[in-house]
Protein backbone atom coordinates (compact mmCIF):
# COMPACT_ATOMS: atom_id res chain seq x y z
CA UNK A 1 -93.36 92.35 -89.70
CA UNK A 2 -93.75 94.50 -86.57
CA UNK A 3 -93.07 98.20 -87.13
CA UNK A 4 -91.70 100.84 -84.75
CA UNK A 5 -90.48 99.19 -81.55
CA UNK A 6 -89.04 101.42 -78.83
CA UNK A 7 -86.88 100.05 -76.01
CA UNK A 8 -86.59 102.28 -72.93
CA UNK A 9 -83.75 101.57 -70.50
CA UNK A 10 -81.57 103.17 -67.86
CA UNK A 11 -78.31 101.64 -69.18
CA UNK A 12 -77.19 101.51 -72.80
CA UNK A 13 -73.98 101.36 -74.81
CA UNK A 14 -70.80 102.75 -73.20
CA UNK A 15 -72.31 102.78 -69.71
CA UNK A 16 -71.40 100.81 -66.58
CA UNK A 17 -74.69 98.95 -66.53
CA UNK A 18 -73.25 95.44 -66.20
CA UNK A 19 -75.49 92.52 -67.18
CA UNK A 20 -78.60 94.64 -67.73
CA UNK A 21 -76.77 96.79 -70.28
CA UNK A 22 -75.43 93.72 -72.09
CA UNK A 23 -78.92 92.18 -72.12
CA UNK A 24 -80.35 95.31 -73.80
CA UNK A 25 -77.56 95.70 -76.35
CA UNK A 26 -77.69 92.04 -77.39
CA UNK A 27 -81.49 91.98 -77.41
CA UNK A 28 -81.61 95.07 -79.63
CA UNK A 29 -79.17 93.44 -82.02
CA UNK A 30 -81.33 90.32 -82.26
CA UNK A 31 -84.56 92.29 -82.70
CA UNK A 32 -83.15 94.55 -85.41
CA UNK A 33 -83.11 91.57 -87.75
CA UNK A 34 -86.80 90.88 -87.12
CA UNK A 35 -88.57 94.26 -86.80
CA UNK A 36 -88.76 97.44 -88.86
CA UNK A 37 -87.78 100.58 -86.99
CA UNK A 38 -86.12 99.86 -83.63
CA UNK A 39 -85.30 102.87 -81.43
CA UNK A 40 -83.72 103.03 -77.98
CA UNK A 41 -84.35 105.71 -75.33
CA UNK A 42 -81.79 105.58 -72.54
CA UNK A 43 -80.59 107.39 -69.44
CA UNK A 44 -76.88 106.48 -69.25
CA UNK A 45 -74.48 105.73 -72.08
CA UNK A 46 -73.58 107.14 -75.48
CA UNK A 47 -75.17 106.40 -78.85
CA UNK A 48 -75.75 109.18 -81.42
CA UNK A 49 -78.08 106.90 -83.38
CA UNK A 50 -80.64 106.78 -80.55
CA UNK A 51 -82.05 109.11 -77.86
CA UNK A 52 -80.30 109.95 -74.62
CA UNK A 53 -82.76 111.32 -72.05
CA UNK A 54 -80.24 113.11 -69.87
CA UNK A 55 -82.28 114.55 -67.04
CA UNK A 56 -83.20 114.03 -63.38
CA UNK A 57 -85.08 110.77 -63.00
CA UNK A 58 -88.36 112.41 -62.03
CA UNK A 59 -88.29 114.25 -65.40
CA UNK A 60 -87.16 111.23 -67.42
CA UNK A 61 -90.71 109.88 -68.11
CA UNK A 62 -91.93 113.23 -69.43
CA UNK A 63 -88.93 113.87 -71.68
CA UNK A 64 -89.19 110.29 -72.95
CA UNK A 65 -92.91 110.80 -73.59
CA UNK A 66 -92.09 113.77 -75.85
CA UNK A 67 -89.77 111.54 -77.94
CA UNK A 68 -92.35 108.73 -78.02
CA UNK A 69 -94.98 111.14 -79.32
CA UNK A 70 -92.68 111.94 -82.25
CA UNK A 71 -91.93 108.29 -83.03
CA UNK A 72 -95.46 106.90 -82.41
CA UNK A 73 -94.31 103.30 -81.85
CA UNK A 74 -96.46 100.20 -82.18
CA UNK A 75 -94.58 98.51 -79.29
CA UNK A 76 -93.03 100.10 -76.19
CA UNK A 77 -90.78 97.72 -74.24
CA UNK A 78 -89.46 99.20 -70.99
CA UNK A 79 -86.72 97.75 -68.82
CA UNK A 80 -85.66 98.04 -65.19
CA UNK A 81 -86.54 101.03 -62.99
CA UNK A 82 -89.89 102.71 -62.43
CA UNK A 83 -89.13 105.85 -64.44
CA UNK A 84 -88.56 103.81 -67.61
CA UNK A 85 -91.88 102.01 -67.10
CA UNK A 86 -93.64 105.28 -66.29
CA UNK A 87 -92.60 106.69 -69.68
CA UNK A 88 -94.34 103.77 -71.39
CA UNK A 89 -97.31 104.09 -69.04
CA UNK A 90 -97.81 107.76 -69.95
CA UNK A 91 -97.58 107.08 -73.68
CA UNK A 92 -100.05 104.19 -73.36
CA UNK A 93 -102.54 106.57 -71.72
CA UNK A 94 -102.74 108.73 -74.86
CA UNK A 95 -101.83 106.43 -77.74
CA UNK A 96 -102.62 102.93 -78.84
CA UNK A 97 -99.68 100.55 -78.41
CA UNK A 98 -98.63 97.36 -76.69
CA UNK A 99 -96.67 97.93 -73.50
CA UNK A 100 -94.21 95.30 -72.21
CA UNK A 101 -91.97 95.68 -69.17
CA UNK A 102 -88.98 93.54 -68.12
CA UNK A 103 -87.61 93.26 -64.57
CA UNK A 104 -83.85 92.57 -64.43
CA UNK A 105 -82.73 92.85 -60.80
CA UNK A 106 -83.61 91.19 -57.52
CA UNK A 107 -85.33 93.56 -55.06
CA UNK A 108 -83.19 94.82 -52.20
CA UNK A 109 -86.10 95.58 -49.88
CA UNK A 110 -89.87 95.82 -49.79
CA UNK A 111 -91.70 98.86 -51.14
CA UNK A 112 -93.49 101.34 -48.87
CA UNK A 113 -97.26 101.39 -49.27
CA UNK A 114 -97.26 104.35 -51.65
CA UNK A 115 -94.47 102.80 -53.76
CA UNK A 116 -96.32 99.49 -53.98
CA UNK A 117 -99.57 101.16 -55.04
CA UNK A 118 -97.69 103.28 -57.58
CA UNK A 119 -95.85 100.29 -59.10
CA UNK A 120 -99.03 98.21 -59.19
CA UNK A 121 -100.74 101.01 -61.10
CA UNK A 122 -97.90 101.05 -63.63
CA UNK A 123 -97.74 97.28 -64.21
CA UNK A 124 -101.53 97.09 -64.52
CA UNK A 125 -101.22 99.00 -67.80
CA UNK A 126 -98.73 96.47 -69.20
CA UNK A 127 -99.90 93.89 -71.72
CA UNK A 128 -97.16 91.59 -70.44
CA UNK A 129 -94.49 91.74 -67.75
CA UNK A 130 -91.39 89.61 -68.25
CA UNK A 131 -88.56 88.52 -65.96
CA UNK A 132 -85.03 87.36 -66.74
CA UNK A 133 -85.59 84.27 -64.56
CA UNK A 134 -88.51 82.43 -63.00
CA UNK A 135 -86.97 82.92 -59.55
CA UNK A 136 -86.85 86.69 -60.11
CA UNK A 137 -90.59 86.69 -60.82
CA UNK A 138 -91.21 84.93 -57.49
CA UNK A 139 -88.97 87.42 -55.67
CA UNK A 140 -90.69 90.44 -57.20
CA UNK A 141 -94.13 89.07 -56.39
CA UNK A 142 -93.18 88.27 -52.78
CA UNK A 143 -90.98 91.24 -51.85
CA UNK A 144 -92.77 93.98 -53.81
CA UNK A 145 -96.18 92.33 -53.33
CA UNK A 146 -97.15 93.00 -56.94
CA UNK A 147 -99.61 91.06 -59.10
CA UNK A 148 -99.47 90.75 -62.87
CA UNK A 149 -102.07 90.04 -65.57
CA UNK A 150 -99.73 88.27 -67.96
CA UNK A 151 -96.12 87.22 -67.45
CA UNK A 152 -93.28 85.42 -69.19
CA UNK A 153 -89.67 84.50 -68.48
CA UNK A 154 -87.35 85.91 -71.16
CA UNK A 155 -83.91 84.51 -70.50
CA UNK A 156 -80.76 86.29 -71.58
CA UNK A 157 -78.86 84.82 -74.46
CA UNK A 158 -75.12 84.69 -74.89
CA UNK A 159 -73.19 85.75 -77.95
CA UNK A 160 -69.54 85.07 -77.19
CA UNK A 161 -67.08 87.70 -78.40
CA UNK A 162 -63.84 86.38 -79.89
CA UNK A 163 -60.82 86.92 -77.65
CA UNK A 164 -57.43 87.23 -79.32
CA UNK A 165 -54.08 86.13 -77.96
CA UNK A 166 -52.98 89.77 -78.01
CA UNK A 167 -55.93 90.77 -75.77
CA UNK A 168 -55.11 88.00 -73.31
CA UNK A 169 -51.44 88.98 -73.24
CA UNK A 170 -52.30 92.67 -72.73
CA UNK A 171 -54.72 91.84 -69.90
CA UNK A 172 -52.22 89.59 -68.13
CA UNK A 173 -49.47 92.20 -68.52
CA UNK A 174 -51.59 95.12 -67.34
CA UNK A 175 -52.72 93.34 -64.17
CA UNK A 176 -49.54 91.29 -63.62
CA UNK A 177 -51.21 87.88 -63.86
CA UNK A 178 -48.62 85.16 -64.52
CA UNK A 179 -49.60 82.30 -66.81
CA UNK A 180 -48.65 79.90 -64.01
CA UNK A 181 -51.37 81.33 -61.72
CA UNK A 182 -54.62 79.57 -60.92
CA UNK A 183 -57.23 82.24 -61.62
CA UNK A 184 -60.64 82.51 -59.96
CA UNK A 185 -62.89 85.14 -61.55
CA UNK A 186 -65.82 87.14 -60.15
CA UNK A 187 -67.53 89.56 -62.57
CA UNK A 188 -69.50 92.67 -61.52
CA UNK A 189 -69.58 92.20 -57.74
CA UNK A 190 -68.75 95.77 -56.75
CA UNK A 191 -72.03 97.57 -57.49
CA UNK A 192 -74.50 95.69 -55.27
CA UNK A 193 -74.39 95.31 -51.48
CA UNK A 194 -75.46 91.67 -51.32
CA UNK A 195 -73.09 90.69 -54.12
CA UNK A 196 -70.27 92.48 -52.30
CA UNK A 197 -71.09 90.54 -49.13
CA UNK A 198 -70.94 87.31 -51.12
CA UNK A 199 -67.57 88.30 -52.55
CA UNK A 200 -66.26 88.81 -49.00
CA UNK A 201 -67.04 85.13 -48.34
CA UNK A 202 -64.96 84.13 -51.35
CA UNK A 203 -62.13 86.42 -50.25
CA UNK A 204 -62.24 84.73 -46.83
CA UNK A 205 -61.89 81.34 -48.51
CA UNK A 206 -58.62 82.47 -50.15
CA UNK A 207 -56.94 82.52 -46.74
CA UNK A 208 -57.56 78.79 -46.37
CA UNK A 209 -56.47 77.95 -49.91
CA UNK A 210 -53.23 79.93 -50.17
CA UNK A 211 -51.05 77.70 -47.94
CA UNK A 212 -51.62 74.84 -50.42
CA UNK A 213 -52.03 77.00 -53.55
CA UNK A 214 -49.68 80.00 -53.28
CA UNK A 215 -50.18 80.87 -56.98
CA UNK A 216 -53.93 81.34 -56.57
CA UNK A 217 -55.39 84.69 -57.70
CA UNK A 218 -58.89 86.14 -57.51
CA UNK A 219 -59.73 88.61 -60.30
CA UNK A 220 -62.66 90.99 -59.62
CA UNK A 221 -64.05 93.13 -62.45
CA UNK A 222 -66.15 96.32 -62.57
CA UNK A 223 -65.83 99.65 -60.79
CA UNK A 224 -68.77 100.06 -58.44
CA UNK A 225 -69.89 101.84 -55.29
CA UNK A 226 -68.53 99.00 -53.12
CA UNK A 227 -65.11 98.81 -54.80
CA UNK A 228 -63.36 100.89 -52.13
CA UNK A 229 -64.99 98.94 -49.30
CA UNK A 230 -63.93 95.63 -50.83
CA UNK A 231 -60.38 96.88 -51.40
CA UNK A 232 -60.17 97.86 -47.73
CA UNK A 233 -61.47 94.43 -46.75
CA UNK A 234 -58.77 92.75 -48.86
CA UNK A 235 -56.14 94.97 -47.23
CA UNK A 236 -57.40 94.04 -43.75
CA UNK A 237 -57.04 90.37 -44.70
CA UNK A 238 -53.51 91.06 -46.06
CA UNK A 239 -54.48 89.56 -49.43
CA UNK A 240 -53.54 92.46 -51.72
CA UNK A 241 -51.12 90.27 -53.71
CA UNK A 242 -53.82 87.68 -54.40
CA UNK A 243 -56.92 89.79 -55.21
CA UNK A 244 -56.84 91.92 -58.36
CA UNK A 245 -59.45 94.64 -58.95
CA UNK A 246 -59.56 95.48 -62.65
CA UNK A 247 -62.31 98.10 -62.67
CA UNK A 248 -64.51 98.16 -65.78
CA UNK A 249 -63.36 96.02 -68.70
CA UNK A 250 -64.30 96.69 -72.31
CA UNK A 251 -64.69 93.02 -73.28
CA UNK A 252 -65.97 90.87 -70.41
CA UNK A 253 -64.93 87.71 -72.27
CA UNK A 254 -61.21 88.54 -71.88
CA UNK A 255 -61.08 87.89 -68.09
CA UNK A 256 -63.30 84.83 -68.64
CA UNK A 257 -60.78 83.50 -71.19
CA UNK A 258 -57.91 83.59 -68.66
CA UNK A 259 -59.96 82.17 -65.75
CA UNK A 260 -59.58 78.59 -64.54
CA UNK A 261 -62.83 78.71 -62.52
CA UNK A 262 -65.67 81.21 -62.62
CA UNK A 263 -66.95 81.89 -59.07
CA UNK A 264 -70.30 83.58 -58.47
CA UNK A 265 -70.68 83.76 -54.70
CA UNK A 266 -73.60 86.10 -54.11
CA UNK A 267 -76.35 86.61 -51.53
CA UNK A 268 -78.83 88.03 -54.05
CA UNK A 269 -79.26 87.74 -57.82
CA UNK A 270 -81.58 86.93 -60.67
CA UNK A 271 -79.96 84.84 -63.39
CA UNK A 272 -76.67 86.69 -63.96
CA UNK A 273 -75.38 87.03 -67.49
CA UNK A 274 -71.84 86.66 -66.14
CA UNK A 275 -72.53 83.00 -65.34
CA UNK A 276 -73.92 82.34 -68.81
CA UNK A 277 -70.88 84.00 -70.41
CA UNK A 278 -68.51 81.78 -68.42
CA UNK A 279 -70.54 78.71 -69.37
CA UNK A 280 -70.48 79.74 -73.04
CA UNK A 281 -66.66 79.88 -72.96
CA UNK A 282 -66.59 76.39 -71.41
CA UNK A 283 -65.43 77.38 -67.94
CA UNK A 284 -66.34 75.40 -64.79
CA UNK A 285 -68.67 77.43 -62.57
CA UNK A 286 -69.16 77.53 -58.81
CA UNK A 287 -72.22 79.55 -57.76
CA UNK A 288 -74.44 80.00 -54.75
CA UNK A 289 -77.98 78.64 -54.83
CA UNK A 290 -79.53 82.10 -55.09
CA UNK A 291 -82.30 83.50 -57.29
CA UNK A 292 -82.45 81.99 -60.75
CA UNK A 293 -78.94 80.52 -60.78
CA UNK A 294 -80.29 76.98 -60.42
CA UNK A 295 -82.26 77.56 -63.65
CA UNK A 296 -78.92 77.43 -65.47
CA UNK A 297 -76.69 75.34 -63.19
CA UNK A 298 -77.57 71.69 -62.57
CA UNK A 299 -75.41 70.65 -59.61
CA UNK A 300 -72.52 68.34 -60.55
CA UNK A 301 -73.78 68.10 -64.13
CA UNK A 302 -72.81 71.46 -65.64
CA UNK A 303 -71.45 73.30 -62.60
CA UNK A 304 -71.40 73.29 -58.82
CA UNK A 305 -74.11 74.85 -56.66
CA UNK A 306 -72.97 75.71 -53.16
CA UNK A 307 -74.37 77.38 -50.07
CA UNK A 308 -73.04 80.85 -49.11
CA UNK A 309 -70.86 79.38 -46.35
CA UNK A 310 -67.06 79.50 -46.39
CA UNK A 311 -66.59 75.77 -45.67
CA UNK A 312 -68.85 74.77 -48.60
CA UNK A 313 -67.22 77.25 -50.98
CA UNK A 314 -63.79 75.98 -49.94
CA UNK A 315 -64.80 72.38 -50.67
CA UNK A 316 -66.10 73.31 -54.12
CA UNK A 317 -62.97 75.22 -55.15
CA UNK A 318 -60.65 72.48 -53.89
CA UNK A 319 -62.72 69.84 -55.70
CA UNK A 320 -62.43 71.55 -59.10
CA UNK A 321 -58.75 72.42 -58.71
CA UNK A 322 -57.96 68.88 -57.64
CA UNK A 323 -60.07 67.05 -60.23
CA UNK A 324 -59.28 68.30 -63.72
CA UNK A 325 -61.44 65.68 -65.44
CA UNK A 326 -64.51 66.72 -63.44
CA UNK A 327 -63.81 70.40 -64.18
CA UNK A 328 -63.59 69.66 -67.91
CA UNK A 329 -66.80 67.62 -67.90
CA UNK A 330 -68.76 70.32 -66.08
CA UNK A 331 -67.38 73.02 -68.37
CA UNK A 332 -68.23 71.06 -71.52
CA UNK A 333 -71.78 70.43 -70.32
CA UNK A 334 -72.10 74.10 -69.37
CA UNK A 335 -71.32 75.21 -72.91
CA UNK A 336 -73.89 72.77 -74.33
CA UNK A 337 -76.52 74.06 -71.87
CA UNK A 338 -76.02 77.64 -73.04
CA UNK A 339 -76.12 76.69 -76.71
CA UNK A 340 -79.37 74.79 -76.21
CA UNK A 341 -81.32 77.03 -73.81
CA UNK A 342 -79.86 80.52 -73.61
CA UNK A 343 -79.60 82.14 -77.02
CA UNK A 344 -80.82 85.47 -78.38
CA UNK A 345 -82.56 84.00 -81.40
CA UNK A 346 -84.85 81.99 -79.11
CA UNK A 347 -85.51 84.93 -76.78
CA UNK A 348 -86.13 87.43 -79.60
CA UNK A 349 -88.66 85.10 -81.24
CA UNK A 350 -90.39 84.71 -77.87
CA UNK A 351 -90.59 88.49 -77.50
CA UNK A 352 -91.97 88.91 -81.00
CA UNK A 353 -94.83 86.60 -80.02
CA UNK A 354 -95.39 88.71 -76.89
CA UNK A 355 -95.36 91.90 -79.00
CA UNK A 356 -97.97 90.33 -81.28
CA UNK A 357 -100.07 89.28 -78.27
CA UNK A 358 -99.45 85.54 -78.75
CA UNK A 359 -97.73 84.32 -75.56
C-alpha cells in the first residue's frame, strides 16, 4: 500500500470552491480507504485535522514546503493554481517523491511569455499531469501552449447525498418556491465571467417562456463575484419574481432534488461536477456544447446538447417541458451513465496506478 500522500489545493472543506472543492473532498475520501497517511494542505477552508496555509499566494509554496519537509510524503498531488504546483515543485527539488498535478478549470486567457515559461518549468517536473476532462487537456495545451511528458484524464465521480423531505420543505419555504412551479436550476454560475454570460442567455430565454409558462422559476446557486451583476441584469429584465438567487448552499443535492430540469448554459467549462450531480439524481439536463460536457452528455440519449444561442436553448427547454416521456428517458439514461463511467472508486484506482508509475 502507498504511504504518505499529500494533496495540495486552494479550496478545501467549508470553502466556496464549487466543483473543484467537491472533487478534492470526495477524492480524499476515496483515497483514504486505499492509502496509508493522507494529508491535505489547503489555502481556503477549515479543517483542524489538516494544514491550512493561510498566507499571501506568493508565500504559499514556501510555507507549504516547510510542512512537506515535516511530513516527507511519498506522493505529492497538487491541484489547480500555480502556487499549489510550485509547492510540490520545490519539494521535488530536494526530496525524492512522485509529483502529480491536476488541472480543474478552463483557461480564461493565454499566458504572457514569462508565465508560459514559468508554468512549463513547473509541469516539466511532474511525473504525470491529469485533467478532469479530455477537452480541458486540449484547451490547456492550446491556450497556455504547454506540453506535457505524461498525461491522463481523471474524471470526477459522484457520490449522491441523501436529501430528506424536511430539507426540501425548508429549501422551498426559505426561497418561496411553490410545489406547483416548474423549476430550472443552474448551479455555480456566479463566480466565472463566461459562465455568467451563459446564464444571461438562459435568463433571456425566460422572457419567451413566461407567457406560456407563468409558473416557471430559475434557481441560481452560489455567491460569487458576478452575483450582483447578474441580479442587476435580472432586475433590468423585470424578472425578479422568476429568478431566485440562493447564494451558497450547504448540500448541492437539495436544489437538484427540487429541479425539473438542470440547465448548464455556459460559454466556458471543463466537465462540471454540477452536471454529473444532476445526472446522478436522474434529472434531465440541457447543456451547451462547451469543453468536456459532451464527454458526459450524448445528445438526445442521456441529455440535450445545445448551442449557446437563445433560440436553441428555448427549443430545448420547451421540448423537455412538453414531452414528459422524453425527459424521463433522458434522465434515466443519465443516471446509468454516471453509475457506469463517473465514480470515485474507478478514479481513485486510476490515480493509485499513476502514483505507482503504472499509467
